[in-house]
């Protein structure tokens, strides 16, 4: 089993960036989802609210972020280390965490609604759900866990079901993984739950399967929305009230530790 692709999403909900290698920090891949667009109440605006975020490209630079979108001039922002400090929530039900306001005019114009772009200056302030993590685990502004791993063979199986139903295949980008693995059997990741895996020199704990939402029905290149793959997941991959694809994993790193993963690294199941 080996790693075939690495991705980050610098602004939560934005278009992916592809990498040959990525630094791993305790809260996730470096630069992944440290920025988020929020509404007037400080609640995250994601593709669940507006598929237009698929058209936002964000590229981190040392000490800042560069934004681009069709029809708008690009914007270069510094990390707002002294910006207005507010409490934000990834979802209404989540615990508020501190963030700094970076900008409002450009992002409001892009979305066509009042919005603010915020930066998580301290990624150690947001805890992972301890039902599946450990007390010291931390996460950026991702939905709930630091890293998402997808299995390309599982995608092939899913697309086989779609073909049988007369529907078009979907790319793995619909599921917005950070890490793609190949040469594993379809749904092998189900058996890894509760275990540790090693990618290169980095150990991760496999915390839980990922419950999928309507974002998977959004074409990540065009922003157009359909009905699949949620319908087919409901038929074949329902667990309780969730529709499962890919697994959430947590780096086994202490605070301040940094490691590296690369495309081509092997994946080994440890226990």
Protein backbone atom coordinates (compact mmCIF):
# COMPACT_ATOMS: atom_id res chain seq x y z
CA UNK A 1 0.00 0.00 0.00
CA UNK A 2 1.31 3.43 -0.87
CA UNK A 3 0.36 7.09 -0.90
CA UNK A 4 -0.65 8.37 -4.34
CA UNK A 5 -1.77 11.94 -3.58
CA UNK A 6 -1.71 14.60 -0.86
CA UNK A 7 -4.09 17.56 -0.59
CA UNK A 8 -4.71 20.56 1.62
CA UNK A 9 -7.56 23.08 1.74
CA UNK A 10 -6.08 26.30 3.19
CA UNK A 11 -9.48 28.00 3.57
CA UNK A 12 -12.17 25.62 4.80
CA UNK A 13 -14.36 24.75 1.82
CA UNK A 14 -11.99 26.11 -0.84
CA UNK A 15 -10.51 24.34 -3.87
CA UNK A 16 -7.84 21.79 -3.04
CA UNK A 17 -4.09 22.21 -3.40
CA UNK A 18 -2.10 19.17 -4.51
CA UNK A 19 1.32 18.35 -3.02
CA UNK A 20 4.21 15.98 -3.58
CA UNK A 21 5.01 16.16 0.12
CA UNK A 22 3.44 17.75 3.18
CA UNK A 23 4.48 18.53 6.73
CA UNK A 24 2.43 16.78 9.38
CA UNK A 25 1.70 18.67 12.59
CA UNK A 26 -0.31 17.40 15.58
CA UNK A 27 -3.42 19.26 14.36
CA UNK A 28 -3.17 18.14 10.70
CA UNK A 29 -1.21 18.80 7.52
CA UNK A 30 0.60 22.14 7.57
CA UNK A 31 -1.56 24.91 6.16
CA UNK A 32 -4.73 22.83 6.05
CA UNK A 33 -7.92 24.64 7.09
CA UNK A 34 -6.30 27.28 9.27
CA UNK A 35 -8.56 29.89 7.61
CA UNK A 36 -12.36 29.90 7.46
CA UNK A 37 -15.15 32.12 6.19
CA UNK A 38 -17.72 32.95 8.87
CA UNK A 39 -21.09 34.67 8.99
CA UNK A 40 -22.15 37.53 11.26
CA UNK A 41 -22.56 35.09 14.15
CA UNK A 42 -19.07 33.67 13.72
CA UNK A 43 -20.32 30.34 12.33
CA UNK A 44 -18.40 28.78 9.46
CA UNK A 45 -19.70 29.18 5.90
CA UNK A 46 -18.86 26.02 3.97
CA UNK A 47 -19.86 24.32 0.72
CA UNK A 48 -22.92 23.07 2.58
CA UNK A 49 -24.08 26.69 2.46
CA UNK A 50 -22.67 27.78 -0.89
CA UNK A 51 -21.04 25.70 -3.60
CA UNK A 52 -19.35 28.89 -4.85
CA UNK A 53 -16.51 28.13 -2.44
CA UNK A 54 -15.35 25.51 -4.96
CA UNK A 55 -14.19 28.46 -7.09
CA UNK A 56 -11.99 29.95 -4.36
CA UNK A 57 -8.28 29.14 -4.59
CA UNK A 58 -6.11 29.91 -1.57
CA UNK A 59 -2.33 29.54 -1.56
CA UNK A 60 -0.41 29.93 1.68
CA UNK A 61 2.82 31.91 1.62
CA UNK A 62 5.20 32.57 4.50
CA UNK A 63 3.24 34.76 6.89
CA UNK A 64 0.16 35.04 4.75
CA UNK A 65 -2.32 33.83 2.14
CA UNK A 66 -3.06 34.59 -1.51
CA UNK A 67 -6.66 34.37 -2.70
CA UNK A 68 -8.00 34.16 -6.24
CA UNK A 69 -11.42 33.59 -7.79
CA UNK A 70 -12.95 34.01 -11.25
CA UNK A 71 -13.94 37.60 -12.02
CA UNK A 72 -12.14 39.14 -9.04
CA UNK A 73 -8.68 40.64 -8.62
CA UNK A 74 -6.39 38.52 -6.51
CA UNK A 75 -5.88 39.37 -2.86
CA UNK A 76 -2.72 38.98 -0.79
CA UNK A 77 -3.25 38.88 2.98
CA UNK A 78 -0.89 38.82 5.91
CA UNK A 79 -1.74 36.56 8.81
CA UNK A 80 -3.68 38.94 11.10
CA UNK A 81 -1.62 38.31 14.23
CA UNK A 82 -2.99 41.55 15.73
CA UNK A 83 -6.39 41.37 14.05
CA UNK A 84 -9.70 41.57 15.86
CA UNK A 85 -10.07 38.49 18.06
CA UNK A 86 -13.47 36.79 17.87
CA UNK A 87 -14.98 33.44 18.87
CA UNK A 88 -15.88 31.23 15.91
CA UNK A 89 -17.59 27.88 15.50
CA UNK A 90 -17.09 25.42 12.67
CA UNK A 91 -20.75 24.46 13.09
CA UNK A 92 -23.43 25.95 15.35
CA UNK A 93 -23.21 22.88 17.58
CA UNK A 94 -19.43 23.08 18.03
CA UNK A 95 -17.57 24.73 20.91
CA UNK A 96 -16.40 28.29 20.12
CA UNK A 97 -12.68 28.79 19.58
CA UNK A 98 -10.64 31.99 19.18
CA UNK A 99 -9.68 33.32 15.75
CA UNK A 100 -8.47 36.59 14.22
CA UNK A 101 -10.39 38.54 11.58
CA UNK A 102 -8.33 38.98 8.41
CA UNK A 103 -10.70 40.55 5.87
CA UNK A 104 -14.36 41.10 5.02
CA UNK A 105 -14.79 43.20 1.85
CA UNK A 106 -13.21 40.87 -0.71
CA UNK A 107 -14.73 37.68 0.67
CA UNK A 108 -18.19 39.28 0.98
CA UNK A 109 -17.97 40.38 -2.64
CA UNK A 110 -16.96 36.91 -3.71
CA UNK A 111 -19.83 35.19 -1.88
CA UNK A 112 -22.42 37.92 -2.44
CA UNK A 113 -23.26 38.05 1.26
CA UNK A 114 -21.87 39.49 4.46
CA UNK A 115 -18.92 37.39 5.54
CA UNK A 116 -15.54 37.58 7.24
CA UNK A 117 -12.38 35.60 6.62
CA UNK A 118 -10.76 34.51 9.87
CA UNK A 119 -7.45 32.85 10.75
CA UNK A 120 -6.84 30.31 13.48
CA UNK A 121 -3.72 31.83 14.99
CA UNK A 122 -3.31 29.08 17.58
CA UNK A 123 -4.14 25.57 16.31
CA UNK A 124 -3.79 24.11 19.82
CA UNK A 125 -7.06 25.64 21.06
CA UNK A 126 -9.52 23.25 19.40
CA UNK A 127 -9.88 19.74 20.79
CA UNK A 128 -10.77 16.60 18.89
CA UNK A 129 -13.91 14.75 20.00
CA UNK A 130 -12.62 12.62 22.87
CA UNK A 131 -15.10 9.84 22.01
CA UNK A 132 -12.64 8.91 19.28
CA UNK A 133 -9.48 10.79 20.24
CA UNK A 134 -7.32 11.33 23.27
CA UNK A 135 -7.45 14.34 25.65
CA UNK A 136 -4.41 16.07 24.11
CA UNK A 137 -5.53 15.72 20.47
CA UNK A 138 -6.04 18.96 18.60
CA UNK A 139 -7.52 19.90 15.21
CA UNK A 140 -7.46 22.93 12.92
CA UNK A 141 -10.77 24.24 11.51
CA UNK A 142 -11.49 20.94 9.77
CA UNK A 143 -14.90 19.41 10.53
CA UNK A 144 -13.67 17.37 13.46
CA UNK A 145 -10.40 15.50 12.94
CA UNK A 146 -6.91 16.43 11.73
CA UNK A 147 -6.50 14.26 8.60
CA UNK A 148 -8.84 12.43 6.22
CA UNK A 149 -7.62 9.35 4.35
CA UNK A 150 -9.35 7.91 1.30
CA UNK A 151 -8.79 4.53 -0.38
CA UNK A 152 -8.83 4.58 -4.20
CA UNK A 153 -9.99 0.94 -4.35
CA UNK A 154 -13.02 1.86 -2.24
CA UNK A 155 -13.76 4.63 -4.72
CA UNK A 156 -13.54 2.08 -7.55
CA UNK A 157 -16.06 -0.11 -5.73
CA UNK A 158 -18.35 2.87 -5.21
CA UNK A 159 -18.11 3.81 -8.87
CA UNK A 160 -18.95 0.23 -9.78
CA UNK A 161 -22.19 0.57 -7.83
CA UNK A 162 -22.87 3.88 -9.57
CA UNK A 163 -22.34 2.26 -12.98
CA UNK A 164 -24.79 -0.51 -12.08
CA UNK A 165 -27.33 2.20 -11.17
CA UNK A 166 -26.77 3.97 -14.49
CA UNK A 167 -24.99 6.94 -12.92
CA UNK A 168 -21.70 8.58 -13.79
CA UNK A 169 -18.59 7.89 -11.71
CA UNK A 170 -17.35 10.46 -9.20
CA UNK A 171 -13.72 11.45 -8.53
CA UNK A 172 -12.18 11.08 -5.10
CA UNK A 173 -12.01 14.88 -4.85
CA UNK A 174 -15.74 14.84 -4.03
CA UNK A 175 -14.72 13.44 -0.62
CA UNK A 176 -12.00 16.05 -0.01
CA UNK A 177 -9.32 13.75 1.45
CA UNK A 178 -5.93 14.89 2.64
CA UNK A 179 -4.27 11.56 1.82
CA UNK A 180 -5.08 9.06 -0.93
CA UNK A 181 -3.86 5.47 -0.63
CA UNK A 182 -3.71 2.83 -3.37
CA UNK A 183 -2.90 -0.90 -3.55
CA UNK A 184 -5.21 -1.63 -0.60
CA UNK A 185 -8.33 -3.79 -1.02
CA UNK A 186 -11.64 -1.99 -1.26
CA UNK A 187 -12.93 -1.05 2.20
CA UNK A 188 -9.73 -2.27 3.88
CA UNK A 189 -9.84 0.94 5.92
CA UNK A 190 -12.88 -0.41 7.80
CA UNK A 191 -10.60 -2.98 9.45
CA UNK A 192 -8.07 -0.31 10.46
CA UNK A 193 -10.46 1.45 12.85
CA UNK A 194 -8.95 1.60 16.31
CA UNK A 195 -5.53 0.65 14.95
CA UNK A 196 -2.36 2.56 14.16
CA UNK A 197 -0.94 2.96 10.68
CA UNK A 198 2.47 4.20 9.60
CA UNK A 199 2.93 6.39 6.54
CA UNK A 200 6.61 6.92 5.87
CA UNK A 201 8.00 7.74 9.31
CA UNK A 202 4.73 9.06 10.75
CA UNK A 203 2.30 7.06 12.88
CA UNK A 204 -1.42 7.87 12.84
CA UNK A 205 -4.31 6.55 14.90
CA UNK A 206 -7.35 5.55 12.83
CA UNK A 207 -10.11 7.23 14.81
CA UNK A 208 -13.42 6.75 13.00
CA UNK A 209 -15.12 6.43 9.62
CA UNK A 210 -16.18 9.69 7.99
CA UNK A 211 -19.91 10.40 7.82
CA UNK A 212 -20.58 12.06 4.46
CA UNK A 213 -22.80 15.07 3.68
CA UNK A 214 -24.14 16.93 0.64
CA UNK A 215 -20.68 18.33 -0.18
CA UNK A 216 -19.98 14.97 -1.89
CA UNK A 217 -22.70 15.80 -4.44
CA UNK A 218 -20.92 19.02 -5.52
CA UNK A 219 -18.60 18.99 -8.52
CA UNK A 220 -15.39 20.40 -7.08
CA UNK A 221 -14.38 21.94 -10.41
CA UNK A 222 -17.65 23.61 -11.46
CA UNK A 223 -19.71 23.90 -8.28
CA UNK A 224 -22.65 22.10 -9.92
CA UNK A 225 -24.70 19.89 -7.60
CA UNK A 226 -26.22 16.46 -8.29
CA UNK A 227 -27.71 13.62 -6.25
CA UNK A 228 -24.83 11.15 -6.19
CA UNK A 229 -22.93 9.63 -4.45
CA UNK A 230 -25.11 10.05 -1.34
CA UNK A 231 -27.93 7.92 -2.73
CA UNK A 232 -25.62 5.00 -3.51
CA UNK A 233 -23.81 5.39 -0.18
CA UNK A 234 -27.19 5.17 1.52
CA UNK A 235 -27.78 1.83 -0.18
CA UNK A 236 -24.37 0.26 0.47
CA UNK A 237 -22.50 2.19 3.18
CA UNK A 238 -25.03 3.16 5.81
CA UNK A 239 -23.96 2.77 9.43
CA UNK A 240 -26.49 3.95 11.97
CA UNK A 241 -27.59 7.36 10.71
CA UNK A 242 -24.37 7.95 8.74
CA UNK A 243 -23.21 7.31 5.18
CA UNK A 244 -19.56 6.32 5.39
CA UNK A 245 -16.61 6.86 3.08
CA UNK A 246 -12.93 7.36 4.07
CA UNK A 247 -11.51 7.44 7.60
CA UNK A 248 -10.44 10.16 10.02
CA UNK A 249 -6.89 9.72 11.30
CA UNK A 250 -4.94 11.51 14.05
CA UNK A 251 -1.17 12.09 13.93
CA UNK A 252 0.66 10.43 16.81
CA UNK A 253 2.76 13.54 17.42
CA UNK A 254 3.40 15.47 20.60
CA UNK A 255 2.84 19.23 20.77
CA UNK A 256 5.47 20.99 18.66
CA UNK A 257 6.53 17.88 16.75
CA UNK A 258 6.62 18.00 12.95
CA UNK A 259 7.04 15.12 10.49
CA UNK A 260 6.86 14.68 6.71
CA UNK A 261 4.80 12.51 4.38
CA UNK A 262 5.44 12.15 0.66
CA UNK A 263 3.66 10.76 -2.38
CA UNK A 264 5.07 7.26 -2.81
CA UNK A 265 5.42 6.58 0.91
CA UNK A 266 4.30 3.15 2.01
CA UNK A 267 1.39 2.62 4.38
CA UNK A 268 1.69 -0.14 6.97
CA UNK A 269 -0.96 -1.26 9.46
CA UNK A 270 0.77 -1.64 12.82
CA UNK A 271 -1.86 -3.17 15.12
